[in-house]
Amino acid sequence: MPKHRPLSEDALQLVAQRFAVLAEPMRLRLIQALFAGEKNVTDLVGVTGGTQANVSRHLQTLTAAHILARRKEGLQVFYRIADPTIPKLCELVCGSLEKTLSRQVAQFETVG
């Protein structure tokens, strides 16, 4: 496992803020929807099942955090993942959860 140097309080605050932005299920749904590429707000509303106001609010938060980028084309706004570490982070977390859940299921099956 790679060694990490301790972070300063300011750096820890920045890390905590980044995780706080990602700690919202709708924002994770939006990010997941953008793994396949750029989408406009209407597409994202359809994919996530959210309201336009709610989706737009979360897109604004993700864009302000530099996780997403936006571009305007006519009246439409398109979003894409701007931070290349986000898909890697999601893959890492999901892979870890999958292993943990698989172990728990195996333990349950052994006991049951």
C-alpha atoms as a PDB file:
ATOM      1  CA  MET A   1       0.000   0.000   0.000  1.00  0.00           C
ATOM      2  CA  PRO A   2       1.432   3.425  -0.901  1.00  0.00           C
ATOM      3  CA  LYS A   3       2.508   5.672   1.931  1.00  0.00           C
ATOM      4  CA  HIS A   4       0.758   9.006   2.311  1.00  0.00           C
ATOM      5  CA  ARG A   5       2.105  12.017   4.097  1.00  0.00           C
ATOM      6  CA  PRO A   6      -0.162  13.626   6.681  1.00  0.00           C
ATOM      7  CA  LEU A   7      -2.293  16.455   5.325  1.00  0.00           C
ATOM      8  CA  SER A   8      -2.566  19.907   6.829  1.00  0.00           C
ATOM      9  CA  GLU A   9      -5.847  21.011   8.413  1.00  0.00           C
ATOM     10  CA  ASP A  10      -6.606  23.152   5.352  1.00  0.00           C
ATOM     11  CA  ALA A  11      -5.988  20.227   3.025  1.00  0.00           C
ATOM     12  CA  LEU A  12      -8.173  17.955   5.166  1.00  0.00           C
ATOM     13  CA  GLN A  13     -10.964  20.533   4.957  1.00  0.00           C
ATOM     14  CA  LEU A  14     -10.704  20.529   1.152  1.00  0.00           C
ATOM     15  CA  VAL A  15     -10.837  16.726   1.050  1.00  0.00           C
ATOM     16  CA  ALA A  16     -13.845  16.701   3.374  1.00  0.00           C
ATOM     17  CA  GLN A  17     -15.610  19.259   1.180  1.00  0.00           C
ATOM     18  CA  ARG A  18     -14.993  17.130  -1.922  1.00  0.00           C
ATOM     19  CA  PHE A  19     -16.422  14.035  -0.232  1.00  0.00           C
ATOM     20  CA  ALA A  20     -19.378  16.072   1.063  1.00  0.00           C
ATOM     21  CA  VAL A  21     -20.236  17.074  -2.510  1.00  0.00           C
ATOM     22  CA  LEU A  22     -20.139  13.398  -3.510  1.00  0.00           C
ATOM     23  CA  ALA A  23     -22.176  12.259  -0.488  1.00  0.00           C
ATOM     24  CA  GLU A  24     -25.515  12.900  -2.188  1.00  0.00           C
ATOM     25  CA  PRO A  25     -27.190  10.012  -4.081  1.00  0.00           C
ATOM     26  CA  MET A  26     -28.648  12.264  -6.809  1.00  0.00           C
ATOM     27  CA  ARG A  27     -25.205  13.693  -7.533  1.00  0.00           C
ATOM     28  CA  LEU A  28     -23.812  10.172  -7.814  1.00  0.00           C
ATOM     29  CA  ARG A  29     -26.667   9.286 -10.208  1.00  0.00           C
ATOM     30  CA  LEU A  30     -25.777  12.296 -12.343  1.00  0.00           C
ATOM     31  CA  ILE A  31     -22.095  11.385 -12.382  1.00  0.00           C
ATOM     32  CA  GLN A  32     -22.950   7.789 -13.260  1.00  0.00           C
ATOM     33  CA  ALA A  33     -25.171   8.990 -16.112  1.00  0.00           C
ATOM     34  CA  LEU A  34     -22.254  11.018 -17.474  1.00  0.00           C
ATOM     35  CA  PHE A  35     -19.832   8.067 -17.548  1.00  0.00           C
ATOM     36  CA  ALA A  36     -21.111   7.361 -21.075  1.00  0.00           C
ATOM     37  CA  GLY A  37     -20.408  10.933 -22.161  1.00  0.00           C
ATOM     38  CA  GLU A  38     -21.874  14.388 -22.349  1.00  0.00           C
ATOM     39  CA  LYS A  39     -25.606  14.912 -21.771  1.00  0.00           C
ATOM     40  CA  ASN A  40     -27.967  17.868 -21.604  1.00  0.00           C
ATOM     41  CA  VAL A  41     -30.207  18.696 -18.659  1.00  0.00           C
ATOM     42  CA  THR A  42     -33.298  17.132 -20.261  1.00  0.00           C
ATOM     43  CA  ASP A  43     -31.446  13.841 -20.795  1.00  0.00           C
ATOM     44  CA  LEU A  44     -30.182  13.885 -17.207  1.00  0.00           C
ATOM     45  CA  VAL A  45     -33.677  14.539 -15.852  1.00  0.00           C
ATOM     46  CA  GLY A  46     -34.921  11.515 -17.815  1.00  0.00           C
ATOM     47  CA  VAL A  47     -32.091   9.235 -16.725  1.00  0.00           C
ATOM     48  CA  THR A  48     -32.210  10.149 -13.037  1.00  0.00           C
ATOM     49  CA  GLY A  49     -35.951  10.577 -12.615  1.00  0.00           C
ATOM     50  CA  GLY A  50     -35.434  13.872 -10.808  1.00  0.00           C
ATOM     51  CA  THR A  51     -37.207  17.136 -11.421  1.00  0.00           C
ATOM     52  CA  GLN A  52     -35.547  19.717 -13.632  1.00  0.00           C
ATOM     53  CA  ALA A  53     -35.132  22.096 -10.685  1.00  0.00           C
ATOM     54  CA  ASN A  54     -33.540  19.417  -8.484  1.00  0.00           C
ATOM     55  CA  VAL A  55     -31.241  18.122 -11.226  1.00  0.00           C
ATOM     56  CA  SER A  56     -30.182  21.669 -12.140  1.00  0.00           C
ATOM     57  CA  ARG A  57     -29.381  22.465  -8.505  1.00  0.00           C
ATOM     58  CA  HIS A  58     -27.174  19.376  -8.171  1.00  0.00           C
ATOM     59  CA  LEU A  59     -25.492  20.050 -11.521  1.00  0.00           C
ATOM     60  CA  GLN A  60     -24.677  23.556 -10.316  1.00  0.00           C
ATOM     61  CA  THR A  61     -23.086  22.151  -7.141  1.00  0.00           C
ATOM     62  CA  LEU A  62     -21.039  19.586  -9.090  1.00  0.00           C
ATOM     63  CA  THR A  63     -19.916  22.246 -11.567  1.00  0.00           C
ATOM     64  CA  ALA A  64     -18.932  24.682  -8.799  1.00  0.00           C
ATOM     65  CA  ALA A  65     -16.820  21.882  -7.282  1.00  0.00           C
ATOM     66  CA  HIS A  66     -15.089  21.388 -10.677  1.00  0.00           C
ATOM     67  CA  ILE A  67     -16.315  17.805 -10.840  1.00  0.00           C
ATOM     68  CA  LEU A  68     -18.405  18.570 -13.920  1.00  0.00           C
ATOM     69  CA  ALA A  69     -17.931  21.027 -16.764  1.00  0.00           C
ATOM     70  CA  ARG A  70     -20.676  22.612 -18.817  1.00  0.00           C
ATOM     71  CA  ARG A  71     -20.955  24.064 -22.274  1.00  0.00           C
ATOM     72  CA  LYS A  72     -23.794  25.949 -23.842  1.00  0.00           C
ATOM     73  CA  GLU A  73     -25.040  25.213 -27.348  1.00  0.00           C
ATOM     74  CA  GLY A  74     -27.912  27.476 -28.313  1.00  0.00           C
ATOM     75  CA  LEU A  75     -30.490  27.174 -25.558  1.00  0.00           C
ATOM     76  CA  GLN A  76     -29.187  23.839 -24.301  1.00  0.00           C
ATOM     77  CA  VAL A  77     -26.540  23.250 -21.657  1.00  0.00           C
ATOM     78  CA  PHE A  78     -24.458  20.078 -21.855  1.00  0.00           C
ATOM     79  CA  TYR A  79     -22.558  18.555 -18.942  1.00  0.00           C
ATOM     80  CA  ARG A  80     -19.576  16.219 -18.829  1.00  0.00           C
ATOM     81  CA  ILE A  81     -17.219  14.887 -16.186  1.00  0.00           C
ATOM     82  CA  ALA A  82     -14.363  17.377 -15.857  1.00  0.00           C
ATOM     83  CA  ASP A  83     -12.322  15.660 -13.149  1.00  0.00           C
ATOM     84  CA  PRO A  84     -10.749  12.484 -14.559  1.00  0.00           C
ATOM     85  CA  THR A  85     -10.241  11.086 -11.063  1.00  0.00           C
ATOM     86  CA  ILE A  86     -13.999  10.821 -10.451  1.00  0.00           C
ATOM     87  CA  PRO A  87     -14.606   7.650 -12.537  1.00  0.00           C
ATOM     88  CA  LYS A  88     -11.504   6.097 -10.943  1.00  0.00           C
ATOM     89  CA  LEU A  89     -12.748   6.995  -7.462  1.00  0.00           C
ATOM     90  CA  CYS A  90     -16.193   5.532  -8.194  1.00  0.00           C
ATOM     91  CA  GLU A  91     -14.623   2.346  -9.557  1.00  0.00           C
ATOM     92  CA  LEU A  92     -12.402   2.029  -6.487  1.00  0.00           C
ATOM     93  CA  VAL A  93     -15.249   2.570  -4.007  1.00  0.00           C
ATOM     94  CA  CYS A  94     -17.697   0.323  -5.883  1.00  0.00           C
ATOM     95  CA  GLY A  95     -15.077  -2.423  -6.208  1.00  0.00           C
ATOM     96  CA  SER A  96     -14.335  -2.260  -2.502  1.00  0.00           C
ATOM     97  CA  LEU A  97     -18.041  -2.404  -1.625  1.00  0.00           C
ATOM     98  CA  GLU A  98     -18.543  -5.344  -3.968  1.00  0.00           C
ATOM     99  CA  LYS A  99     -15.759  -7.302  -2.245  1.00  0.00           C
ATOM    100  CA  THR A 100     -17.102  -6.447   1.213  1.00  0.00           C
ATOM    101  CA  LEU A 101     -20.663  -7.433   0.296  1.00  0.00           C
ATOM    102  CA  SER A 102     -19.472 -10.661  -1.341  1.00  0.00           C
ATOM    103  CA  ARG A 103     -17.631 -11.610   1.856  1.00  0.00           C
ATOM    104  CA  GLN A 104     -20.700 -10.797   3.945  1.00  0.00           C
ATOM    105  CA  VAL A 105     -22.941 -12.909   1.692  1.00  0.00           C
ATOM    106  CA  ALA A 106     -20.452 -15.788   1.863  1.00  0.00           C
ATOM    107  CA  GLN A 107     -20.389 -15.557   5.667  1.00  0.00           C
ATOM    108  CA  PHE A 108     -24.183 -15.494   5.790  1.00  0.00           C
ATOM    109  CA  GLU A 109     -24.438 -18.540   3.523  1.00  0.00           C
ATOM    110  CA  THR A 110     -21.903 -20.395   5.685  1.00  0.00           C
ATOM    111  CA  VAL A 111     -23.817 -19.623   8.879  1.00  0.00           C
ATOM    112  CA  GLY A 112     -27.286 -20.225   7.375  1.00  0.00           C
END
